[in-house]
Protein backbone atom coordinates (compact mmCIF):
# COMPACT_ATOMS: atom_id res chain seq x y z
CA UNK A 1 0.00 0.00 0.00
CA UNK A 2 3.04 2.28 -0.43
CA UNK A 3 1.45 4.38 -3.17
CA UNK A 4 0.21 7.93 -3.34
CA UNK A 5 -3.15 8.57 -1.63
CA UNK A 6 -5.31 10.02 -4.39
CA UNK A 7 -8.59 10.57 -2.57
CA UNK A 8 -10.71 9.71 0.45
CA UNK A 9 -14.33 8.73 -0.14
CA UNK A 10 -17.44 7.73 1.72
CA UNK A 11 -18.21 5.12 -0.91
CA UNK A 12 -16.18 3.55 -3.69
CA UNK A 13 -18.30 1.79 -6.33
CA UNK A 14 -16.41 -0.72 -8.45
CA UNK A 15 -17.96 -1.20 -11.89
CA UNK A 16 -19.80 1.16 -14.23
CA UNK A 17 -22.69 -0.94 -15.53
CA UNK A 18 -26.36 -0.54 -14.64
CA UNK A 19 -25.77 -1.29 -10.94
CA UNK A 20 -22.79 1.00 -10.56
CA UNK A 21 -24.54 3.88 -12.32
CA UNK A 22 -27.59 3.52 -10.08
CA UNK A 23 -25.46 3.49 -6.92
CA UNK A 24 -23.48 6.54 -7.98
CA UNK A 25 -26.53 8.59 -8.88
CA UNK A 26 -28.54 7.74 -5.76
CA UNK A 27 -25.71 7.98 -3.23
CA UNK A 28 -24.48 11.24 -4.69
CA UNK A 29 -27.99 12.68 -4.39
CA UNK A 30 -28.07 11.62 -0.72
CA UNK A 31 -24.91 13.59 -0.06
CA UNK A 32 -22.24 10.91 -0.03
CA UNK A 33 -18.78 11.51 -1.44
CA UNK A 34 -18.84 8.65 -3.95
CA UNK A 35 -16.98 7.65 -7.08
CA UNK A 36 -17.09 4.83 -9.62
CA UNK A 37 -13.84 3.13 -10.60
CA UNK A 38 -14.28 1.54 -14.03
CA UNK A 39 -11.60 -0.37 -15.93
CA UNK A 40 -13.12 0.49 -19.31
CA UNK A 41 -13.12 3.76 -21.20
CA UNK A 42 -16.87 4.24 -20.87
CA UNK A 43 -19.94 3.28 -18.89
CA UNK A 44 -22.01 0.23 -19.71
CA UNK A 45 -20.28 -2.67 -17.99
CA UNK A 46 -20.68 -5.74 -20.16
CA UNK A 47 -21.93 -3.54 -23.01
CA UNK A 48 -18.69 -1.63 -23.06
CA UNK A 49 -16.59 -4.80 -23.33
CA UNK A 50 -18.80 -7.02 -25.49
CA UNK A 51 -18.05 -5.49 -28.88
CA UNK A 52 -17.95 -8.77 -30.80
CA UNK A 53 -20.02 -9.11 -34.01
CA UNK A 54 -23.70 -9.60 -33.25
CA UNK A 55 -23.56 -8.65 -29.55
CA UNK A 56 -27.13 -7.94 -28.53
CA UNK A 57 -29.29 -7.94 -25.42
CA UNK A 58 -31.78 -10.79 -24.98
CA UNK A 59 -34.29 -8.78 -22.94
CA UNK A 60 -36.76 -6.65 -24.78
CA UNK A 61 -36.15 -2.92 -24.73
CA UNK A 62 -39.09 -1.69 -22.61
CA UNK A 63 -37.63 -3.17 -19.41
CA UNK A 64 -33.94 -3.12 -20.33
CA UNK A 65 -33.43 0.44 -19.17
CA UNK A 66 -33.71 2.62 -16.10
CA UNK A 67 -37.27 3.24 -14.96
CA UNK A 68 -36.95 6.98 -14.25
CA UNK A 69 -39.25 8.91 -16.54
CA UNK A 70 -36.71 11.68 -17.10
CA UNK A 71 -34.49 9.01 -18.69
CA UNK A 72 -37.00 7.12 -20.83
CA UNK A 73 -39.20 10.06 -21.85
CA UNK A 74 -36.77 11.33 -24.52
CA UNK A 75 -35.11 8.04 -25.44
CA UNK A 76 -36.34 5.93 -28.37
CA UNK A 77 -35.15 2.42 -29.17
CA UNK A 78 -34.53 1.41 -32.77
CA UNK A 79 -35.05 -2.33 -32.18
CA UNK A 80 -37.02 -4.46 -29.75
CA UNK A 81 -33.77 -6.22 -28.79
CA UNK A 82 -31.07 -3.54 -28.99
CA UNK A 83 -27.57 -4.25 -30.22
CA UNK A 84 -24.39 -3.43 -28.37
CA UNK A 85 -23.75 -0.12 -30.15
CA UNK A 86 -27.21 1.16 -29.27
CA UNK A 87 -26.69 0.23 -25.62
CA UNK A 88 -23.38 2.13 -25.61
CA UNK A 89 -25.28 5.16 -26.95
CA UNK A 90 -27.92 4.67 -24.24
CA UNK A 91 -25.29 4.82 -21.50
CA UNK A 92 -23.80 7.93 -23.11
CA UNK A 93 -27.31 9.44 -23.05
CA UNK A 94 -27.77 8.54 -19.37
CA UNK A 95 -24.32 9.91 -18.60
CA UNK A 96 -25.22 13.20 -20.26
CA UNK A 97 -28.60 13.40 -18.51
CA UNK A 98 -27.25 12.68 -15.04
CA UNK A 99 -23.77 14.22 -15.43
CA UNK A 100 -22.14 11.02 -14.20
CA UNK A 101 -18.66 11.09 -15.71
CA UNK A 102 -17.43 13.85 -13.41
CA UNK A 103 -17.52 11.22 -10.65
CA UNK A 104 -16.14 8.28 -12.64
CA UNK A 105 -12.49 7.32 -12.92
CA UNK A 106 -12.22 5.48 -16.23
CA UNK A 107 -9.42 3.12 -17.21
CA UNK A 108 -9.00 2.42 -13.51
CA UNK A 109 -8.66 -1.16 -12.31
CA UNK A 110 -8.84 -1.97 -8.60
CA UNK A 111 -5.98 -4.36 -7.78
CA UNK A 112 -6.03 -4.87 -4.02
CA UNK A 113 -7.68 -3.82 -0.77
CA UNK A 114 -7.10 -3.99 2.97
CA UNK A 115 -9.45 -3.12 5.84
CA UNK A 116 -8.34 -1.04 8.83
CA UNK A 117 -9.94 -2.36 12.03
CA UNK A 118 -9.32 0.91 13.89
CA UNK A 119 -10.71 3.38 11.36
CA UNK A 120 -13.30 1.01 9.83
CA UNK A 121 -12.15 2.06 6.38
CA UNK A 122 -10.79 0.30 3.31
CA UNK A 123 -7.52 1.20 1.64
CA UNK A 124 -7.42 0.11 -2.00
CA UNK A 125 -4.72 0.16 -4.64
CA UNK A 126 -5.77 0.82 -8.23
CA UNK A 127 -3.96 1.15 -11.54
CA UNK A 128 -4.57 3.50 -14.43
CA UNK A 129 -4.78 1.11 -17.37
CA UNK A 130 -3.47 3.66 -19.84
CA UNK A 131 -0.49 5.07 -17.94
CA UNK A 132 0.29 2.14 -15.62
CA UNK A 133 0.35 4.50 -12.63
CA UNK A 134 -0.80 2.99 -9.32
CA UNK A 135 -2.47 4.95 -6.52
CA UNK A 136 -4.31 4.48 -3.23
CA UNK A 137 -7.89 5.29 -2.30
CA UNK A 138 -9.52 5.17 1.12
CA UNK A 139 -13.26 4.63 1.56
CA UNK A 140 -15.60 3.68 4.35
CA UNK A 141 -17.71 1.49 2.07
CA UNK A 142 -16.80 -0.50 -1.01
CA UNK A 143 -19.73 -1.53 -3.19
CA UNK A 144 -19.03 -4.27 -5.70
CA UNK A 145 -21.04 -3.88 -8.92
CA UNK A 146 -19.10 -6.40 -10.99
CA UNK A 147 -21.98 -8.19 -12.73
CA UNK A 148 -22.16 -11.88 -13.52
CA UNK A 149 -19.57 -11.84 -16.29
CA UNK A 150 -16.53 -9.73 -15.51
CA UNK A 151 -13.86 -12.47 -15.57
CA UNK A 152 -13.56 -14.17 -18.99
CA UNK A 153 -12.93 -17.90 -18.92
CA UNK A 154 -10.15 -19.01 -21.24
CA UNK A 155 -10.24 -22.69 -22.22
CA UNK A 156 -7.44 -25.10 -21.39
CA UNK A 157 -6.72 -26.19 -24.98
CA UNK A 158 -3.30 -27.76 -25.59
CA UNK A 159 -0.89 -25.49 -27.49
CA UNK A 160 -3.40 -22.69 -27.97
CA UNK A 161 -0.53 -20.25 -27.51
CA UNK A 162 1.13 -21.70 -30.65
CA UNK A 163 -1.63 -20.39 -32.91
CA UNK A 164 -0.12 -17.89 -35.34
CA UNK A 165 -3.31 -16.09 -36.35
CA UNK A 166 -5.58 -13.78 -34.39
CA UNK A 167 -7.33 -15.17 -31.32
CA UNK A 168 -9.96 -13.27 -29.33
CA UNK A 169 -12.24 -14.02 -26.41
CA UNK A 170 -15.68 -12.56 -27.12
CA UNK A 171 -15.48 -10.57 -23.86
CA UNK A 172 -12.17 -9.01 -24.91
CA UNK A 173 -12.94 -8.27 -28.55
CA UNK A 174 -11.03 -5.31 -30.01
CA UNK A 175 -13.12 -2.23 -29.21
CA UNK A 176 -12.16 -0.73 -32.57
CA UNK A 177 -13.70 -3.76 -34.28
CA UNK A 178 -12.32 -6.68 -36.28
CA UNK A 179 -13.42 -7.79 -39.75
CA UNK A 180 -14.10 -11.52 -40.19
CA UNK A 181 -14.91 -11.16 -43.90
CA UNK A 182 -13.08 -13.56 -46.18
CA UNK A 183 -11.31 -15.35 -43.33
CA UNK A 184 -11.34 -18.94 -42.18
CA UNK A 185 -12.94 -18.56 -38.76
CA UNK A 186 -13.20 -20.98 -35.84
CA UNK A 187 -15.74 -20.37 -33.08
CA UNK A 188 -15.19 -22.45 -29.95
CA UNK A 189 -18.34 -22.54 -27.84
CA UNK A 190 -22.04 -22.22 -28.60
CA UNK A 191 -23.37 -20.29 -25.61
CA UNK A 192 -24.99 -16.88 -25.95
CA UNK A 193 -21.97 -15.07 -27.41
CA UNK A 194 -21.14 -18.03 -29.64
CA UNK A 195 -24.64 -18.02 -31.10
CA UNK A 196 -24.41 -14.32 -31.87
CA UNK A 197 -20.94 -14.48 -33.45
CA UNK A 198 -21.88 -17.53 -35.52
CA UNK A 199 -24.90 -15.77 -36.97
CA UNK A 200 -22.72 -12.89 -38.17
CA UNK A 201 -19.58 -14.81 -39.14
CA UNK A 202 -21.50 -17.29 -41.27
CA UNK A 203 -22.55 -14.45 -43.58
CA UNK A 204 -19.06 -13.14 -44.33
CA UNK A 205 -16.44 -15.78 -43.50
CA UNK A 206 -14.80 -17.75 -46.27
CA UNK A 207 -15.27 -20.79 -44.05
CA UNK A 208 -16.64 -21.09 -40.50
CA UNK A 209 -15.87 -24.05 -38.25
CA UNK A 210 -18.03 -24.26 -35.13
CA UNK A 211 -16.78 -26.39 -32.24
CA UNK A 212 -19.83 -27.43 -30.21
CA UNK A 213 -19.74 -29.40 -26.96
CA UNK A 214 -23.45 -29.13 -26.09
CA UNK A 215 -26.29 -28.02 -28.35
CA UNK A 216 -27.83 -24.67 -27.48
CA UNK A 217 -31.59 -24.89 -26.88
CA UNK A 218 -32.00 -21.34 -28.14
CA UNK A 219 -35.33 -19.61 -28.65
CA UNK A 220 -36.35 -17.32 -31.53
CA UNK A 221 -35.77 -13.68 -30.67
CA UNK A 222 -38.52 -12.45 -33.00
CA UNK A 223 -36.63 -9.22 -33.49
CA UNK A 224 -38.36 -6.21 -35.02
CA UNK A 225 -37.49 -2.63 -35.83
CA UNK A 226 -39.10 0.17 -33.81
CA UNK A 227 -40.11 3.57 -35.07
CA UNK A 228 -41.31 6.70 -33.26
CA UNK A 229 -44.90 5.49 -33.22
CA UNK A 230 -43.86 2.15 -31.72
CA UNK A 231 -41.86 3.87 -29.00
CA UNK A 232 -44.70 6.27 -28.23
CA UNK A 233 -47.10 3.36 -27.86
CA UNK A 234 -44.71 1.42 -25.62
CA UNK A 235 -44.14 4.42 -23.38
CA UNK A 236 -47.82 4.42 -22.46
CA UNK A 237 -47.20 1.07 -20.78
CA UNK A 238 -43.84 1.81 -19.16
CA UNK A 239 -45.11 2.84 -15.69
CA UNK A 240 -47.16 -0.33 -15.38
CA UNK A 241 -44.36 -2.52 -16.74
CA UNK A 242 -41.81 -1.07 -14.33
CA UNK A 243 -44.15 -1.34 -11.35
CA UNK A 244 -44.83 -5.02 -12.09
CA UNK A 245 -41.16 -6.06 -12.15
CA UNK A 246 -40.93 -6.48 -8.37
CA UNK A 247 -43.76 -9.01 -8.43
CA UNK A 248 -42.09 -11.44 -10.82
CA UNK A 249 -39.51 -14.22 -10.50
CA UNK A 250 -37.00 -12.75 -12.96
CA UNK A 251 -37.71 -9.02 -12.79
CA UNK A 252 -39.42 -8.82 -16.17
CA UNK A 253 -42.82 -7.39 -16.99
CA UNK A 254 -44.23 -10.92 -17.30
CA UNK A 255 -44.04 -13.97 -15.06
CA UNK A 256 -44.57 -17.72 -15.00
CA UNK A 257 -48.04 -19.06 -15.69
CA UNK A 258 -50.02 -20.49 -12.80
CA UNK A 259 -51.02 -23.70 -14.62
CA UNK A 260 -48.97 -26.88 -14.68
CA UNK A 261 -48.31 -28.15 -18.16
CA UNK A 262 -49.61 -31.68 -17.47
CA UNK A 263 -52.88 -30.41 -16.00
CA UNK A 264 -53.93 -29.08 -19.41
CA UNK A 265 -55.33 -30.91 -22.38
CA UNK A 266 -52.87 -31.39 -25.20
CA UNK A 267 -54.87 -28.97 -27.32
CA UNK A 268 -54.83 -26.22 -24.67
CA UNK A 269 -51.17 -26.87 -23.84
CA UNK A 270 -50.12 -26.48 -27.47
CA UNK A 271 -52.26 -23.38 -27.83
CA UNK A 272 -50.41 -21.72 -24.95
CA UNK A 273 -46.99 -22.85 -26.16
CA UNK A 274 -47.69 -21.55 -29.67
CA UNK A 275 -48.69 -18.18 -28.24
CA UNK A 276 -45.53 -17.98 -26.15
CA UNK A 277 -43.45 -19.00 -29.16
CA UNK A 278 -45.06 -16.28 -31.27
CA UNK A 279 -44.43 -13.67 -28.58
CA UNK A 280 -40.78 -14.61 -28.85
CA UNK A 281 -37.86 -13.81 -26.62
CA UNK A 282 -37.57 -15.49 -23.25
CA UNK A 283 -41.31 -15.89 -22.72
CA UNK A 284 -41.47 -19.66 -23.40
CA UNK A 285 -38.88 -19.98 -20.63
CA UNK A 286 -39.59 -17.32 -17.98
CA UNK A 287 -43.17 -16.53 -18.95
CA UNK A 288 -44.22 -20.15 -19.41
CA UNK A 289 -44.80 -23.12 -17.11
CA UNK A 290 -42.87 -22.91 -13.83
CA UNK A 291 -43.14 -26.61 -13.06
CA UNK A 292 -40.89 -27.54 -15.99
CA UNK A 293 -37.98 -26.43 -13.82
CA UNK A 294 -38.99 -28.95 -11.12
CA UNK A 295 -40.60 -31.92 -12.84
CA UNK A 296 -38.75 -34.02 -15.43
CA UNK A 297 -41.94 -35.25 -17.15
CA UNK A 298 -43.21 -31.69 -17.54
CA UNK A 299 -39.80 -30.65 -18.78
CA UNK A 300 -39.78 -33.40 -21.42
CA UNK A 301 -43.05 -32.08 -22.85
CA UNK A 302 -41.59 -28.60 -23.29
CA UNK A 303 -38.36 -29.98 -24.72
CA UNK A 304 -40.28 -32.00 -27.32
CA UNK A 305 -42.16 -28.86 -28.36
CA UNK A 306 -38.89 -26.93 -28.73
CA UNK A 307 -37.21 -29.83 -30.56
CA UNK A 308 -39.97 -30.25 -33.12
CA UNK A 309 -40.18 -26.52 -33.77
CA UNK A 310 -36.42 -26.25 -34.18
CA UNK A 311 -36.04 -29.30 -36.44
CA UNK A 312 -38.28 -27.64 -39.00
CA UNK A 313 -35.48 -25.15 -39.60
CA UNK A 314 -32.54 -27.58 -39.91
CA UNK A 315 -32.07 -28.33 -43.60
CA UNK A 316 -28.98 -30.53 -43.31
CA UNK A 317 -30.11 -33.99 -42.12
CA UNK A 318 -26.71 -34.81 -40.59
CA UNK A 319 -27.10 -31.89 -38.19
CA UNK A 320 -30.55 -32.73 -36.81
CA UNK A 321 -29.39 -34.92 -33.93
CA UNK A 322 -26.47 -32.61 -33.16
CA UNK A 323 -28.61 -29.47 -32.88
CA UNK A 324 -31.97 -30.79 -31.67
CA UNK A 325 -31.45 -34.34 -30.33
CA UNK A 326 -34.35 -36.72 -30.03
CA UNK A 327 -33.69 -37.03 -26.29
CA UNK A 328 -32.57 -34.00 -24.28
CA UNK A 329 -28.94 -33.94 -23.17
CA UNK A 330 -30.05 -32.06 -20.06
CA UNK A 331 -33.42 -30.73 -18.89
CA UNK A 332 -34.60 -27.83 -21.00
CA UNK A 333 -34.14 -24.38 -19.45
CA UNK A 334 -31.69 -25.30 -16.70
CA UNK A 335 -28.84 -23.94 -18.78
CA UNK A 336 -28.98 -20.31 -19.84
CA UNK A 337 -31.46 -20.08 -22.71
CA UNK A 338 -30.07 -17.95 -25.53
CA UNK A 339 -32.05 -15.98 -28.11
CA UNK A 340 -31.29 -16.34 -31.79
CA UNK A 341 -32.37 -14.73 -35.05
CA UNK A 342 -31.13 -17.20 -37.70
CA UNK A 343 -28.77 -19.45 -35.76
CA UNK A 344 -29.99 -22.80 -37.04
CA UNK A 345 -30.11 -21.54 -40.63
CA UNK A 346 -26.55 -20.19 -40.21
CA UNK A 347 -25.25 -23.62 -39.22
CA UNK A 348 -26.83 -25.10 -42.36
CA UNK A 349 -24.94 -22.83 -44.78
CA UNK A 350 -22.51 -24.41 -47.23
CA UNK A 351 -19.53 -22.53 -45.79
CA UNK A 352 -20.18 -23.74 -42.22
CA UNK A 353 -18.89 -26.92 -40.59
CA UNK A 354 -20.06 -28.18 -37.20
CA UNK A 355 -17.64 -30.23 -35.07
CA UNK A 356 -19.08 -32.17 -32.13
CA UNK A 357 -16.37 -31.89 -29.49
CA UNK A 358 -18.24 -34.11 -27.04
CA UNK A 359 -17.48 -37.01 -29.42
CA UNK A 360 -14.42 -35.57 -31.14
CA UNK A 361 -12.58 -33.18 -28.80
CA UNK A 362 -9.89 -30.70 -29.75
CA UNK A 363 -6.53 -32.44 -29.41
CA UNK A 364 -4.19 -29.51 -30.00
CA UNK A 365 -3.69 -26.23 -31.82
CA UNK A 366 -1.06 -25.67 -34.50
CA UNK A 367 0.15 -22.38 -35.94
CA UNK A 368 -2.57 -22.41 -38.61
CA UNK A 369 -5.07 -25.08 -37.55
CA UNK A 370 -7.12 -26.70 -34.84
CA UNK A 371 -6.57 -30.45 -34.74
CA UNK A 372 -9.30 -32.73 -33.39
CA UNK A 373 -8.97 -36.19 -31.84
CA UNK A 374 -9.67 -37.87 -35.19
CA UNK A 375 -6.51 -36.26 -36.58
CA UNK A 376 -8.28 -33.82 -38.92
CA UNK A 377 -6.66 -30.41 -39.30
CA UNK A 378 -9.21 -27.60 -39.41
CA UNK A 379 -7.22 -24.78 -40.97
CA UNK A 380 -8.21 -21.36 -39.66
CA UNK A 381 -7.04 -17.76 -39.76
CA UNK A 382 -8.76 -16.56 -36.59
CA UNK A 383 -10.05 -18.26 -33.44
CA UNK A 384 -13.00 -16.87 -31.51
CA UNK A 385 -13.19 -18.10 -27.91
CA UNK A 386 -16.87 -17.97 -27.01
CA UNK A 387 -16.11 -19.80 -23.79
CA UNK A 388 -17.96 -17.67 -21.28
CA UNK A 389 -16.97 -16.54 -17.83
CA UNK A 390 -15.95 -17.55 -14.37
CA UNK A 391 -19.38 -16.25 -13.54
CA UNK A 392 -20.75 -14.40 -10.51
CA UNK A 393 -17.80 -15.00 -8.13
CA UNK A 394 -14.99 -14.62 -10.68
CA UNK A 395 -14.91 -10.85 -10.51
CA UNK A 396 -14.42 -10.95 -6.75
CA UNK A 397 -11.78 -13.67 -6.75
CA UNK A 398 -9.78 -11.80 -9.40
CA UNK A 399 -9.00 -8.93 -6.99
CA UNK A 400 -6.52 -9.19 -4.12
CA UNK A 401 -8.96 -7.88 -1.54
CA UNK A 402 -8.12 -9.35 1.85
CA UNK A 403 -10.53 -9.43 4.74
CA UNK A 404 -9.90 -9.23 8.45
CA UNK A 405 -8.49 -12.78 8.43
CA UNK A 406 -6.02 -11.83 5.68
CA UNK A 407 -7.82 -14.15 3.27
CA UNK A 408 -8.81 -13.24 -0.29
CA UNK A 409 -12.17 -14.03 -1.85
CA UNK A 410 -10.44 -16.76 -3.81
CA UNK A 411 -9.52 -18.43 -0.53
CA UNK A 412 -12.83 -17.77 1.24
CA UNK A 413 -14.91 -18.99 -1.71
CA UNK A 414 -12.75 -22.05 -2.36
CA UNK A 415 -15.41 -24.30 -0.85
CA UNK A 416 -18.33 -22.38 -2.33
CA UNK A 417 -19.98 -18.96 -2.17
CA UNK A 418 -20.51 -17.54 1.29
CA UNK A 419 -22.79 -14.57 1.88
CA UNK A 420 -25.56 -13.29 4.08
CA UNK A 421 -28.54 -12.34 1.92
CA UNK A 422 -26.26 -12.16 -1.11
CA UNK A 423 -25.13 -8.81 0.28
CA UNK A 424 -22.00 -9.35 2.40
CA UNK A 425 -19.47 -11.97 3.51
CA UNK A 426 -17.98 -12.72 6.93
CA UNK A 427 -14.51 -11.23 7.23
CA UNK A 428 -15.13 -8.39 4.76
CA UNK A 429 -16.65 -5.50 6.75
CA UNK A 430 -18.16 -2.53 4.90
CA UNK A 431 -17.91 -4.38 1.59
CA UNK A 432 -21.31 -4.92 -0.02
CA UNK A 433 -22.61 -6.41 -3.27
CA UNK A 434 -25.22 -5.54 -5.85
CA UNK A 435 -25.86 -8.42 -8.24
CA UNK A 436 -23.48 -10.50 -6.14
CA UNK A 437 -23.18 -14.19 -5.25
CA UNK A 438 -26.37 -15.79 -3.87
CA UNK A 439 -28.49 -12.81 -4.94
CA UNK A 440 -30.92 -13.25 -7.88
CA UNK A 441 -28.05 -12.06 -10.11
CA UNK A 442 -28.22 -13.73 -13.54
CA UNK A 443 -31.71 -15.06 -12.83
CA UNK A 444 -32.90 -11.45 -12.86
CA UNK A 445 -33.15 -8.74 -15.49
CA UNK A 446 -30.06 -6.60 -14.91
CA UNK A 447 -31.61 -3.11 -14.81
CA UNK A 448 -34.36 -4.39 -12.51
CA UNK A 449 -31.86 -5.70 -9.97
CA UNK A 450 -29.74 -2.57 -10.34
CA UNK A 451 -32.68 -0.51 -9.15
CA UNK A 452 -34.74 -2.72 -6.82
CA UNK A 453 -31.98 -4.74 -5.20
CA UNK A 454 -29.67 -1.73 -5.41
CA UNK A 455 -32.14 0.43 -3.49
CA UNK A 456 -32.04 -2.03 -0.60
CA UNK A 457 -28.27 -1.70 -0.45
CA UNK A 458 -28.64 2.06 -0.26
CA UNK A 459 -31.10 1.55 2.60
CA UNK A 460 -28.43 -0.43 4.45
CA UNK A 461 -25.89 2.37 4.06
CA UNK A 462 -28.48 4.97 5.10
CA UNK A 463 -29.47 2.88 8.12
CA UNK A 464 -25.87 2.92 9.25
CA UNK A 465 -25.44 6.65 8.80
CA UNK A 466 -28.73 7.48 10.49
CA UNK A 467 -27.91 5.29 13.50
CA UNK A 468 -24.27 6.22 13.91
CA UNK A 469 -22.82 2.87 12.82
CA UNK A 470 -19.44 2.81 11.03
CA UNK A 471 -18.95 -0.93 10.51
CA UNK A 472 -21.15 -3.67 9.08
CA UNK A 473 -20.26 -7.33 8.63
CA UNK A 474 -22.22 -10.47 7.85
CA UNK A 475 -22.94 -12.69 10.86
CA UNK A 476 -21.59 -16.26 10.55
CA UNK A 477 -24.93 -17.82 11.45
CA UNK A 478 -26.75 -15.67 8.88
CA UNK A 479 -24.21 -16.62 6.24
CA UNK A 480 -24.57 -20.31 7.08
CA UNK A 481 -28.37 -20.07 6.95
CA UNK A 482 -28.40 -18.27 3.60
CA UNK A 483 -26.16 -20.86 1.98
CA UNK A 484 -28.24 -23.75 3.33
CA UNK A 485 -31.48 -22.03 2.32
CA UNK A 486 -30.27 -21.48 -1.25
CA UNK A 487 -29.01 -25.07 -1.49
CA UNK A 488 -32.32 -26.43 -0.25
CA UNK A 489 -34.26 -24.46 -2.84
CA UNK A 490 -31.89 -25.59 -5.59
CA UNK A 491 -32.15 -29.27 -4.64
CA UNK A 492 -35.88 -29.23 -5.43
CA UNK A 493 -35.20 -28.10 -9.02
CA UNK A 494 -33.70 -29.68 -12.13
CA UNK A 495 -30.79 -27.21 -12.24
CA UNK A 496 -28.27 -29.63 -10.68
CA UNK A 497 -28.84 -32.03 -13.60
CA UNK A 498 -26.87 -29.85 -16.04
CA UNK A 499 -23.21 -28.85 -16.08
CA UNK A 500 -23.85 -25.15 -16.40
CA UNK A 501 -22.24 -21.88 -15.39
CA UNK A 502 -25.30 -21.34 -13.20
CA UNK A 503 -23.83 -24.13 -11.05
CA UNK A 504 -20.18 -23.10 -11.57
CA UNK A 505 -19.58 -26.38 -13.40
CA UNK A 506 -17.90 -24.72 -16.38
CA UNK A 507 -14.81 -23.73 -14.36
CA UNK A 508 -12.34 -26.53 -13.59
CA UNK A 509 -11.92 -26.96 -9.86
CA UNK A 510 -14.73 -24.60 -8.92
CA UNK A 511 -17.23 -25.84 -6.35
CA UNK A 512 -20.40 -27.04 -8.06
CA UNK A 513 -23.24 -25.09 -6.47
CA UNK A 514 -26.02 -22.73 -7.44
CA UNK A 515 -24.38 -19.32 -7.71
CA UNK A 516 -27.63 -17.31 -7.67
CA UNK A 517 -30.55 -17.16 -5.26
CA UNK A 518 -33.14 -19.46 -6.88
CA UNK A 519 -36.21 -18.31 -4.97
CA UNK A 520 -37.02 -15.50 -7.39
CA UNK A 521 -36.78 -11.72 -7.21
CA UNK A 522 -40.15 -11.10 -5.55
CA UNK A 523 -39.38 -13.47 -2.68
CA UNK A 524 -35.86 -12.06 -2.37
CA UNK A 525 -37.16 -8.50 -2.09
CA UNK A 526 -39.60 -9.57 0.62
CA UNK A 527 -36.71 -11.10 2.58
CA UNK A 528 -34.70 -7.87 2.25
CA UNK A 529 -37.70 -5.84 3.40
CA UNK A 530 -38.10 -8.06 6.46
CA UNK A 531 -34.40 -7.65 7.25
CA UNK A 532 -34.73 -3.86 6.99
CA UNK A 533 -37.77 -3.85 9.28
CA UNK A 534 -35.68 -5.65 11.91
CA UNK A 535 -32.84 -3.17 11.61
CA UNK A 536 -30.64 -5.88 10.01
CA UNK A 537 -29.87 -7.23 13.50
CA UNK A 538 -30.26 -10.89 12.49
CA UNK A 539 -28.11 -10.67 9.37
CA UNK A 540 -25.28 -8.27 10.18
CA UNK A 541 -23.01 -7.21 13.01
CA UNK A 542 -23.36 -3.42 13.27
CA UNK A 543 -20.87 -1.32 15.20
């Protein structure tokens, strides 16, 4: 910590996405000396970094924004599911409206932190990413707004470093852009970013080789352009949509149906499924039948509907079982459901080859090729690593923040996530999370959690100031209860039956557990409200 002290703050917010922006704006209004430290050159969080071809949000525009009327009144969306560039412009618009950048340190990466037991303040070391200069900041509170995907996961592929062409992770795509036209492109991974890159690369690449381990049970986005009249009509519904978010499982303006799929006649069941399919987006998943996430027989019915719909679009017979297998590889919807526009058609193009790495894994990488176990050389000019993230906890474990026991998050979380209410962890006083481990996190619409969950965090900070407290820390018994409660809820679902990033199973050596709170946003908010009513005495040690 032998660096120059740059500034002393009440609150340091780490991360400039939706959650960080909300914290900065609200806390500043309440009179706190607060700043955001953001490693990127602009606001937006994941939308700053995800500049790969086809990057696009999978939540429809009406609820993928802040709910304040002064922000949505003059903003019009051009598409129902906005692309990355439009979301960057949206954050620039919000920045201009709220005059945020004056309290943001861009290109600033927090490297380490230590807590002072006497002063009840954090001392943190950060680095300017452009100049390399390191400096110290002191703050009473540190609020982590790192999102679910701030630490890219790079695959352990033998000899990947020997590749002589260009190689990019989708989360670290060149911000100035990169042209795939006319190149031999390899995409490794078929999760959300893989789907989006594949759709774009298939149109322009000389040849595209897709390395798929597990088929993506993606849903049609049903994208459409929006004009002024469309936006004006949507804005009439915004207040109601925003108000309804807190009553839903995932923070959208729609929720699961009350019926169970097997209680309906086949005719009525198909009628509902067809309607959800036509509505598009995530509605067949998060606006459909809740019981499919608990009951395997119910889940099989929904999978069969998805399979038969999808197979109608696969024109290459040899790909049918690879893309929409007769029997599900895992229960439908317990891995992150992606949205697609022409994904299955893209994989059927003449210039596209699909390699099933579950049967024929990558053996090694040469200077100009990827070589599979069968000995075939797939010659490529550029490799796209669509291999996801060390999700939810990865952002925390990547920073050398040491708690009162001199342990880092990497050490504390080695046996699994540990939080009270998804808000704080034993041994890390005055360090709080929005969108953190064991909160609704990736099960919830990001802007919704930024506001509704984020407001509860602000209430915690205000409760401390109003009552003269200077130190808050999770209680061990509250942390133990919250972990057991989340595990119990998860065990009743089908989520443990898939090796997904929801369960941390995509990261070698990471504890397999549910990383998010699975009880739903509405229940979670009720729990936070009950904690607030009790003055947080059961959950936190307040000094």
